[in-house]
Amino acid sequence: MTNATPYEIVEVSSPYGKTIKCAKRGNILISITKITMFGLGRIQFPKQAELAQLRRERHANQRKFSRNQEKARRLERLERLEYNYRRSQGNLKAVQDVGLNDSDEVVRQLIDHLLTIGQSVSTDGYHTSEIDALLGKLYIQSYWQILSDGRNYLATVIFISKV
């Protein structure tokens, strides 16, 4: 991987009212948390026991469970969180499989690479790129959204190892 090109750190308001710290170069925005937490497997999922209990309850009596909308919504929410957790762990495994580690330098290199990719994005959608690493190639599937103000925003990222 190459030396990172400078970028600035800005705070952007999400449509949900949260402030997101982003790496910015030109009109390209990348959530730093998306790389550090989701990309490098730092997402936690401490609700495994609650999810398992709700699944048991649903399995034991599907009809009764379905009538309790609060429990059904909670199960759906926990299943989405579990899905995100598993994808995050898959990203971490891919990064480790190619010989990279969870470090500030790797975060900077990934962000720099994605900022470069973002410059070629002109429509919403997936873009595939790759990084050469010590033990193989890290393929990066990045999904970009063009915001209403014309900035390119990295919506999601999936790492796949090829060793």
N, C-alpha and C. Protein backbone atom coordinates (compact mmCIF):
# COMPACT_ATOMS: atom_id res chain seq x y z
N MET A 1 0.84 -1.17 0.00
CA MET A 1 0.00 0.00 0.00
C MET A 1 0.89 1.24 0.00
N THR A 2 0.38 2.31 -0.55
CA THR A 2 1.18 3.51 -0.70
C THR A 2 0.98 4.47 0.47
N ASN A 3 1.85 5.49 0.51
CA ASN A 3 1.70 6.51 1.53
C ASN A 3 0.42 7.29 1.31
N ALA A 4 -0.24 7.62 2.39
CA ALA A 4 -1.53 8.30 2.30
C ALA A 4 -1.36 9.75 1.86
N THR A 5 -2.28 10.19 1.02
CA THR A 5 -2.36 11.57 0.61
C THR A 5 -3.21 12.31 1.63
N PRO A 6 -2.85 13.54 1.97
CA PRO A 6 -3.60 14.25 3.01
C PRO A 6 -5.08 14.43 2.68
N TYR A 7 -5.86 14.46 3.72
CA TYR A 7 -7.28 14.77 3.63
C TYR A 7 -7.66 15.52 4.89
N GLU A 8 -8.78 16.20 4.85
CA GLU A 8 -9.21 16.92 6.04
C GLU A 8 -10.31 16.13 6.75
N ILE A 9 -10.47 16.40 8.03
CA ILE A 9 -11.52 15.79 8.83
C ILE A 9 -12.61 16.84 9.02
N VAL A 10 -13.84 16.48 8.63
CA VAL A 10 -14.98 17.38 8.76
C VAL A 10 -16.11 16.65 9.48
N GLU A 11 -17.04 17.44 10.02
CA GLU A 11 -18.23 16.86 10.63
C GLU A 11 -19.41 17.15 9.72
N VAL A 12 -20.19 16.11 9.44
CA VAL A 12 -21.32 16.20 8.53
C VAL A 12 -22.57 15.78 9.29
N SER A 13 -23.67 16.46 9.07
CA SER A 13 -24.94 16.08 9.69
C SER A 13 -25.62 15.01 8.84
N SER A 14 -26.04 13.95 9.49
CA SER A 14 -26.76 12.88 8.78
C SER A 14 -28.22 13.27 8.67
N PRO A 15 -28.96 12.61 7.78
CA PRO A 15 -30.40 12.87 7.68
C PRO A 15 -31.14 12.54 8.98
N TYR A 16 -30.51 11.78 9.87
CA TYR A 16 -31.13 11.37 11.12
C TYR A 16 -30.73 12.26 12.28
N GLY A 17 -30.02 13.35 11.99
CA GLY A 17 -29.66 14.31 13.02
C GLY A 17 -28.37 14.03 13.76
N LYS A 18 -27.67 12.99 13.39
CA LYS A 18 -26.40 12.68 14.04
C LYS A 18 -25.26 13.40 13.33
N THR A 19 -24.18 13.63 14.04
CA THR A 19 -22.99 14.21 13.45
C THR A 19 -22.03 13.08 13.12
N ILE A 20 -21.54 13.07 11.90
CA ILE A 20 -20.63 12.02 11.43
C ILE A 20 -19.29 12.66 11.12
N LYS A 21 -18.24 12.13 11.72
CA LYS A 21 -16.89 12.60 11.43
C LYS A 21 -16.42 11.91 10.14
N CYS A 22 -16.07 12.70 9.14
CA CYS A 22 -15.71 12.17 7.83
C CYS A 22 -14.33 12.65 7.38
N ALA A 23 -13.68 11.79 6.61
CA ALA A 23 -12.50 12.19 5.86
C ALA A 23 -13.03 12.84 4.58
N LYS A 24 -12.45 13.98 4.21
CA LYS A 24 -12.92 14.72 3.04
C LYS A 24 -11.74 15.13 2.18
N ARG A 25 -11.89 14.85 0.90
CA ARG A 25 -10.94 15.34 -0.10
C ARG A 25 -11.78 15.78 -1.29
N GLY A 26 -11.75 17.05 -1.61
CA GLY A 26 -12.60 17.56 -2.67
C GLY A 26 -14.05 17.36 -2.30
N ASN A 27 -14.82 16.71 -3.18
CA ASN A 27 -16.23 16.48 -2.89
C ASN A 27 -16.51 15.05 -2.41
N ILE A 28 -15.47 14.37 -1.92
CA ILE A 28 -15.60 12.98 -1.48
C ILE A 28 -15.65 12.94 0.05
N LEU A 29 -16.63 12.19 0.59
CA LEU A 29 -16.78 12.03 2.04
C LEU A 29 -16.78 10.56 2.41
N ILE A 30 -15.98 10.22 3.43
CA ILE A 30 -15.95 8.85 3.94
C ILE A 30 -16.05 8.91 5.45
N SER A 31 -17.07 8.26 6.00
CA SER A 31 -17.21 8.18 7.44
C SER A 31 -16.02 7.43 8.02
N ILE A 32 -15.32 8.06 8.92
CA ILE A 32 -14.16 7.41 9.54
C ILE A 32 -14.60 6.20 10.35
N THR A 33 -15.73 6.33 11.02
CA THR A 33 -16.27 5.22 11.81
C THR A 33 -16.60 4.03 10.93
N LYS A 34 -17.06 4.29 9.71
CA LYS A 34 -17.40 3.19 8.80
C LYS A 34 -16.16 2.32 8.54
N ILE A 35 -15.00 2.93 8.46
CA ILE A 35 -13.76 2.17 8.24
C ILE A 35 -13.26 1.57 9.54
N THR A 36 -13.18 2.38 10.60
CA THR A 36 -12.59 1.89 11.85
C THR A 36 -13.47 0.87 12.55
N MET A 37 -14.79 1.08 12.56
CA MET A 37 -15.68 0.17 13.28
C MET A 37 -16.17 -0.96 12.38
N PHE A 38 -16.78 -0.62 11.27
CA PHE A 38 -17.37 -1.63 10.40
C PHE A 38 -16.31 -2.35 9.58
N GLY A 39 -15.36 -1.59 9.04
CA GLY A 39 -14.34 -2.17 8.18
C GLY A 39 -13.34 -3.04 8.91
N LEU A 40 -13.06 -2.69 10.16
CA LEU A 40 -12.04 -3.43 10.89
C LEU A 40 -12.60 -4.24 12.06
N GLY A 41 -13.87 -4.57 11.98
CA GLY A 41 -14.47 -5.53 12.90
C GLY A 41 -14.60 -5.10 14.34
N ARG A 42 -14.66 -3.81 14.61
CA ARG A 42 -14.76 -3.35 15.98
C ARG A 42 -16.20 -3.24 16.48
N ILE A 43 -17.17 -3.58 15.66
CA ILE A 43 -18.56 -3.53 16.08
C ILE A 43 -18.79 -4.62 17.14
N GLN A 44 -19.48 -4.25 18.18
CA GLN A 44 -19.81 -5.19 19.25
C GLN A 44 -21.26 -5.65 19.10
N PHE A 45 -21.56 -6.84 19.58
CA PHE A 45 -22.93 -7.33 19.58
C PHE A 45 -23.18 -8.06 20.89
N PRO A 46 -23.44 -7.30 21.97
CA PRO A 46 -23.60 -7.92 23.28
C PRO A 46 -24.99 -8.51 23.54
N LYS A 47 -25.88 -8.42 22.58
CA LYS A 47 -27.27 -8.86 22.78
C LYS A 47 -27.53 -10.27 22.26
N GLN A 48 -26.50 -11.10 22.18
CA GLN A 48 -26.65 -12.47 21.67
C GLN A 48 -27.68 -13.27 22.47
N ALA A 49 -27.62 -13.16 23.79
CA ALA A 49 -28.53 -13.94 24.64
C ALA A 49 -29.98 -13.50 24.43
N GLU A 50 -30.21 -12.19 24.34
CA GLU A 50 -31.57 -11.70 24.10
C GLU A 50 -32.09 -12.16 22.74
N LEU A 51 -31.23 -12.10 21.73
CA LEU A 51 -31.63 -12.55 20.39
C LEU A 51 -31.99 -14.04 20.42
N ALA A 52 -31.17 -14.84 21.06
CA ALA A 52 -31.43 -16.28 21.14
C ALA A 52 -32.75 -16.56 21.85
N GLN A 53 -33.03 -15.82 22.93
CA GLN A 53 -34.28 -16.01 23.68
C GLN A 53 -35.49 -15.66 22.81
N LEU A 54 -35.43 -14.55 22.09
CA LEU A 54 -36.54 -14.16 21.22
C LEU A 54 -36.74 -15.18 20.10
N ARG A 55 -35.67 -15.72 19.58
CA ARG A 55 -35.80 -16.75 18.53
C ARG A 55 -36.45 -18.01 19.09
N ARG A 56 -36.09 -18.38 20.32
CA ARG A 56 -36.71 -19.56 20.96
C ARG A 56 -38.21 -19.33 21.16
N GLU A 57 -38.55 -18.12 21.62
CA GLU A 57 -39.96 -17.80 21.83
C GLU A 57 -40.74 -17.85 20.51
N ARG A 58 -40.18 -17.33 19.46
CA ARG A 58 -40.84 -17.35 18.16
C ARG A 58 -41.01 -18.79 17.68
N HIS A 59 -39.97 -19.58 17.86
CA HIS A 59 -40.02 -20.98 17.41
C HIS A 59 -41.05 -21.78 18.21
N ALA A 60 -41.15 -21.50 19.50
CA ALA A 60 -42.07 -22.24 20.37
C ALA A 60 -43.53 -21.97 20.03
N ASN A 61 -43.85 -20.73 19.66
CA ASN A 61 -45.24 -20.38 19.36
C ASN A 61 -45.25 -19.19 18.40
N GLN A 62 -45.13 -19.48 17.12
CA GLN A 62 -45.05 -18.44 16.09
C GLN A 62 -46.24 -17.49 16.12
N ARG A 63 -47.45 -18.05 16.25
CA ARG A 63 -48.66 -17.23 16.22
C ARG A 63 -48.69 -16.24 17.39
N LYS A 64 -48.44 -16.72 18.58
CA LYS A 64 -48.44 -15.86 19.76
C LYS A 64 -47.35 -14.80 19.65
N PHE A 65 -46.18 -15.22 19.19
CA PHE A 65 -45.06 -14.28 19.05
C PHE A 65 -45.40 -13.18 18.06
N SER A 66 -46.00 -13.53 16.94
CA SER A 66 -46.33 -12.56 15.89
C SER A 66 -47.34 -11.53 16.37
N ARG A 67 -48.19 -11.89 17.31
CA ARG A 67 -49.17 -10.94 17.84
C ARG A 67 -48.54 -9.89 18.75
N ASN A 68 -47.38 -10.20 19.29
CA ASN A 68 -46.69 -9.23 20.15
C ASN A 68 -45.76 -8.39 19.27
N GLN A 69 -46.29 -7.27 18.78
CA GLN A 69 -45.54 -6.43 17.83
C GLN A 69 -44.24 -5.89 18.42
N GLU A 70 -44.25 -5.61 19.70
CA GLU A 70 -43.04 -5.09 20.33
C GLU A 70 -41.90 -6.12 20.26
N LYS A 71 -42.22 -7.36 20.60
CA LYS A 71 -41.20 -8.42 20.53
C LYS A 71 -40.79 -8.69 19.09
N ALA A 72 -41.74 -8.68 18.17
CA ALA A 72 -41.43 -8.93 16.76
C ALA A 72 -40.49 -7.83 16.23
N ARG A 73 -40.78 -6.58 16.57
CA ARG A 73 -39.90 -5.47 16.13
C ARG A 73 -38.52 -5.58 16.77
N ARG A 74 -38.49 -5.96 18.04
CA ARG A 74 -37.20 -6.10 18.73
C ARG A 74 -36.37 -7.21 18.09
N LEU A 75 -37.00 -8.32 17.76
CA LEU A 75 -36.30 -9.41 17.10
C LEU A 75 -35.74 -8.95 15.75
N GLU A 76 -36.56 -8.25 15.00
CA GLU A 76 -36.11 -7.74 13.69
C GLU A 76 -34.90 -6.81 13.86
N ARG A 77 -34.96 -5.92 14.84
CA ARG A 77 -33.85 -4.98 15.10
C ARG A 77 -32.58 -5.74 15.48
N LEU A 78 -32.70 -6.71 16.38
CA LEU A 78 -31.53 -7.47 16.80
C LEU A 78 -30.95 -8.29 15.65
N GLU A 79 -31.81 -8.81 14.78
CA GLU A 79 -31.30 -9.57 13.64
C GLU A 79 -30.53 -8.66 12.68
N ARG A 80 -30.96 -7.41 12.51
CA ARG A 80 -30.19 -6.47 11.68
C ARG A 80 -28.83 -6.16 12.32
N LEU A 81 -28.84 -5.98 13.64
CA LEU A 81 -27.58 -5.72 14.34
C LEU A 81 -26.63 -6.92 14.23
N GLU A 82 -27.19 -8.12 14.35
CA GLU A 82 -26.37 -9.33 14.21
C GLU A 82 -25.79 -9.42 12.81
N TYR A 83 -26.60 -9.11 11.80
CA TYR A 83 -26.13 -9.12 10.41
C TYR A 83 -24.96 -8.14 10.24
N ASN A 84 -25.10 -6.93 10.76
CA ASN A 84 -24.02 -5.94 10.66
C ASN A 84 -22.77 -6.42 11.39
N TYR A 85 -22.97 -7.04 12.54
CA TYR A 85 -21.83 -7.57 13.30
C TYR A 85 -21.09 -8.64 12.49
N ARG A 86 -21.84 -9.56 11.92
CA ARG A 86 -21.21 -10.65 11.14
C ARG A 86 -20.48 -10.09 9.91
N ARG A 87 -21.08 -9.12 9.22
CA ARG A 87 -20.40 -8.51 8.07
C ARG A 87 -19.13 -7.81 8.51
N SER A 88 -19.19 -7.14 9.65
CA SER A 88 -18.02 -6.46 10.17
C SER A 88 -16.90 -7.46 10.48
N GLN A 89 -17.26 -8.58 11.08
CA GLN A 89 -16.27 -9.61 11.38
C GLN A 89 -15.68 -10.20 10.10
N GLY A 90 -16.51 -10.32 9.06
CA GLY A 90 -16.02 -10.78 7.76
C GLY A 90 -15.02 -9.80 7.16
N ASN A 91 -15.29 -8.51 7.32
CA ASN A 91 -14.34 -7.50 6.84
C ASN A 91 -13.00 -7.62 7.57
N LEU A 92 -13.06 -7.77 8.90
CA LEU A 92 -11.83 -7.92 9.67
C LEU A 92 -11.05 -9.15 9.22
N LYS A 93 -11.73 -10.26 9.03
CA LYS A 93 -11.06 -11.48 8.59
C LYS A 93 -10.38 -11.28 7.24
N ALA A 94 -11.06 -10.61 6.31
CA ALA A 94 -10.48 -10.36 4.98
C ALA A 94 -9.22 -9.51 5.10
N VAL A 95 -9.27 -8.49 5.94
CA VAL A 95 -8.11 -7.62 6.13
C VAL A 95 -6.95 -8.42 6.71
N GLN A 96 -7.23 -9.23 7.71
CA GLN A 96 -6.17 -10.04 8.35
C GLN A 96 -5.64 -11.11 7.40
N ASP A 97 -6.52 -11.70 6.58
CA ASP A 97 -6.10 -12.76 5.65
C ASP A 97 -5.04 -12.29 4.66
N VAL A 98 -5.07 -11.00 4.31
CA VAL A 98 -4.09 -10.49 3.35
C VAL A 98 -2.88 -9.88 4.04
N GLY A 99 -2.79 -10.04 5.36
CA GLY A 99 -1.61 -9.60 6.09
C GLY A 99 -1.67 -8.18 6.63
N LEU A 100 -2.83 -7.58 6.64
CA LEU A 100 -2.97 -6.25 7.21
C LEU A 100 -3.45 -6.38 8.65
N ASN A 101 -3.29 -5.32 9.42
CA ASN A 101 -3.73 -5.37 10.81
C ASN A 101 -4.62 -4.18 11.13
N ASP A 102 -5.19 -4.21 12.29
CA ASP A 102 -6.05 -3.13 12.76
C ASP A 102 -5.15 -2.05 13.36
N SER A 103 -4.74 -1.11 12.53
CA SER A 103 -3.85 -0.04 12.99
C SER A 103 -4.26 1.29 12.36
N ASP A 104 -3.80 2.36 12.96
CA ASP A 104 -4.09 3.69 12.41
C ASP A 104 -3.55 3.83 11.01
N GLU A 105 -2.39 3.25 10.74
CA GLU A 105 -1.79 3.34 9.40
C GLU A 105 -2.66 2.64 8.36
N VAL A 106 -3.17 1.47 8.68
CA VAL A 106 -4.04 0.75 7.74
C VAL A 106 -5.33 1.54 7.53
N VAL A 107 -5.88 2.11 8.59
CA VAL A 107 -7.08 2.94 8.45
C VAL A 107 -6.80 4.09 7.49
N ARG A 108 -5.68 4.79 7.67
CA ARG A 108 -5.33 5.91 6.77
C ARG A 108 -5.18 5.43 5.33
N GLN A 109 -4.55 4.29 5.14
CA GLN A 109 -4.35 3.77 3.79
C GLN A 109 -5.67 3.39 3.13
N LEU A 110 -6.57 2.76 3.89
CA LEU A 110 -7.87 2.40 3.34
C LEU A 110 -8.67 3.66 2.98
N ILE A 111 -8.67 4.63 3.87
CA ILE A 111 -9.39 5.88 3.60
C ILE A 111 -8.81 6.57 2.39
N ASP A 112 -7.48 6.64 2.29
CA ASP A 112 -6.85 7.28 1.14
C ASP A 112 -7.25 6.58 -0.16
N HIS A 113 -7.22 5.27 -0.16
CA HIS A 113 -7.61 4.49 -1.34
C HIS A 113 -9.06 4.79 -1.73
N LEU A 114 -9.95 4.77 -0.74
CA LEU A 114 -11.36 5.01 -1.03
C LEU A 114 -11.62 6.44 -1.47
N LEU A 115 -10.88 7.40 -0.93
CA LEU A 115 -11.01 8.78 -1.39
C LEU A 115 -10.63 8.89 -2.87
N THR A 116 -9.61 8.15 -3.27
CA THR A 116 -9.21 8.13 -4.67
C THR A 116 -10.29 7.49 -5.53
N ILE A 117 -10.83 6.37 -5.08
CA ILE A 117 -11.91 5.69 -5.82
C ILE A 117 -13.12 6.61 -5.94
N GLY A 118 -13.44 7.31 -4.86
CA GLY A 118 -14.60 8.19 -4.85
C GLY A 118 -14.55 9.29 -5.90
N GLN A 119 -13.35 9.65 -6.32
CA GLN A 119 -13.21 10.70 -7.34
C GLN A 119 -13.76 10.25 -8.69
N SER A 120 -13.80 8.96 -8.94
CA SER A 120 -14.28 8.46 -10.24
C SER A 120 -15.77 8.09 -10.21
N VAL A 121 -16.41 8.25 -9.06
CA VAL A 121 -17.81 7.88 -8.92
C VAL A 121 -18.70 8.99 -9.48
N SER A 122 -19.63 8.59 -10.36
CA SER A 122 -20.54 9.58 -10.93
C SER A 122 -22.01 9.22 -10.74
N THR A 123 -22.28 8.01 -10.26
CA THR A 123 -23.66 7.58 -10.00
C THR A 123 -23.70 6.76 -8.73
N ASP A 124 -24.88 6.68 -8.12
CA ASP A 124 -25.05 5.79 -6.97
C ASP A 124 -24.76 4.36 -7.42
N GLY A 125 -24.11 3.59 -6.57
CA GLY A 125 -23.90 2.19 -6.89
C GLY A 125 -22.60 1.64 -6.36
N TYR A 126 -22.41 0.36 -6.65
CA TYR A 126 -21.21 -0.35 -6.21
C TYR A 126 -20.04 -0.10 -7.16
N HIS A 127 -18.87 -0.01 -6.57
CA HIS A 127 -17.62 0.09 -7.32
C HIS A 127 -16.64 -0.88 -6.69
N THR A 128 -15.92 -1.61 -7.50
CA THR A 128 -14.96 -2.58 -6.99
C THR A 128 -13.55 -2.10 -7.28
N SER A 129 -12.70 -2.24 -6.28
CA SER A 129 -11.29 -1.88 -6.43
C SER A 129 -10.47 -2.88 -5.64
N GLU A 130 -9.17 -2.74 -5.68
CA GLU A 130 -8.31 -3.67 -4.95
C GLU A 130 -7.07 -2.97 -4.44
N ILE A 131 -6.52 -3.55 -3.40
CA ILE A 131 -5.26 -3.09 -2.80
C ILE A 131 -4.34 -4.30 -2.72
N ASP A 132 -3.11 -4.13 -3.16
CA ASP A 132 -2.11 -5.18 -2.99
C ASP A 132 -1.62 -5.13 -1.55
N ALA A 133 -1.57 -6.29 -0.91
CA ALA A 133 -1.10 -6.39 0.46
C ALA A 133 -0.04 -7.48 0.54
N LEU A 134 0.53 -7.64 1.69
CA LEU A 134 1.63 -8.58 1.90
C LEU A 134 1.30 -10.01 1.47
N LEU A 135 0.11 -10.50 1.80
CA LEU A 135 -0.24 -11.90 1.54
C LEU A 135 -1.24 -12.09 0.41
N GLY A 136 -1.62 -11.04 -0.27
CA GLY A 136 -2.60 -11.16 -1.35
C GLY A 136 -3.24 -9.83 -1.68
N LYS A 137 -4.39 -9.91 -2.28
CA LYS A 137 -5.12 -8.69 -2.67
C LYS A 137 -6.35 -8.54 -1.78
N LEU A 138 -6.60 -7.30 -1.39
CA LEU A 138 -7.82 -6.98 -0.68
C LEU A 138 -8.75 -6.32 -1.68
N TYR A 139 -9.84 -7.03 -2.01
CA TYR A 139 -10.85 -6.47 -2.91
C TYR A 139 -11.82 -5.66 -2.07
N ILE A 140 -12.18 -4.51 -2.59
CA ILE A 140 -13.05 -3.59 -1.87
C ILE A 140 -14.29 -3.31 -2.71
N GLN A 141 -15.43 -3.71 -2.18
CA GLN A 141 -16.70 -3.36 -2.81
C GLN A 141 -17.25 -2.17 -2.03
N SER A 142 -17.30 -1.03 -2.68
CA SER A 142 -17.78 0.18 -2.01
C SER A 142 -19.07 0.64 -2.68
N TYR A 143 -20.03 1.00 -1.86
CA TYR A 143 -21.29 1.51 -2.38
C TYR A 143 -21.32 3.01 -2.10
N TRP A 144 -21.51 3.77 -3.15
CA TRP A 144 -21.47 5.23 -3.09
C TRP A 144 -22.84 5.82 -3.36
N GLN A 145 -23.10 6.92 -2.66
CA GLN A 145 -24.31 7.70 -2.91
C GLN A 145 -23.88 9.11 -3.29
N ILE A 146 -24.55 9.65 -4.29
CA ILE A 146 -24.33 11.04 -4.66
C ILE A 146 -25.35 11.85 -3.86
N LEU A 147 -24.87 12.70 -2.97
CA LEU A 147 -25.76 13.50 -2.13
C LEU A 147 -26.37 14.63 -2.95
N SER A 148 -27.43 15.20 -2.43
CA SER A 148 -28.14 16.25 -3.17
C SER A 148 -27.26 17.46 -3.47
N ASP A 149 -26.21 17.67 -2.68
CA ASP A 149 -25.31 18.80 -2.94
C ASP A 149 -24.15 18.43 -3.86
N GLY A 150 -24.18 17.20 -4.41
CA GLY A 150 -23.17 16.77 -5.37
C GLY A 150 -21.96 16.07 -4.77
N ARG A 151 -21.90 15.96 -3.45
CA ARG A 151 -20.78 15.25 -2.84
C ARG A 151 -20.99 13.74 -2.95
N ASN A 152 -19.88 13.01 -3.06
CA ASN A 152 -19.91 11.55 -3.11
C ASN A 152 -19.68 11.02 -1.70
N TYR A 153 -20.62 10.19 -1.23
CA TYR A 153 -20.56 9.68 0.13
C TYR A 153 -20.47 8.15 0.10
N LEU A 154 -19.48 7.61 0.81
CA LEU A 154 -19.32 6.16 0.92
C LEU A 154 -20.40 5.64 1.88
N ALA A 155 -21.36 4.90 1.33
CA ALA A 155 -22.48 4.40 2.14
C ALA A 155 -22.15 3.08 2.82
N THR A 156 -21.44 2.20 2.12
CA THR A 156 -21.06 0.92 2.74
C THR A 156 -19.79 0.40 2.08
N VAL A 157 -19.10 -0.48 2.79
CA VAL A 157 -17.87 -1.05 2.27
C VAL A 157 -17.78 -2.50 2.72
N ILE A 158 -17.35 -3.35 1.79
CA ILE A 158 -17.16 -4.77 2.07
C ILE A 158 -15.77 -5.16 1.57
N PHE A 159 -14.99 -5.79 2.45
CA PHE A 159 -13.66 -6.25 2.10
C PHE A 159 -13.70 -7.75 1.82
N ILE A 160 -12.98 -8.16 0.77
CA ILE A 160 -12.90 -9.57 0.40
C ILE A 160 -11.42 -9.89 0.14
N SER A 161 -10.93 -10.95 0.75
CA SER A 161 -9.52 -11.30 0.58
C SER A 161 -9.35 -12.28 -0.57
N LYS A 162 -8.27 -12.10 -1.30
CA LYS A 162 -7.85 -13.03 -2.35
C LYS A 162 -6.39 -13.37 -2.07
N VAL A 163 -6.20 -14.55 -1.47
CA VAL A 163 -4.83 -14.95 -1.11
C VAL A 163 -4.38 -16.13 -1.93
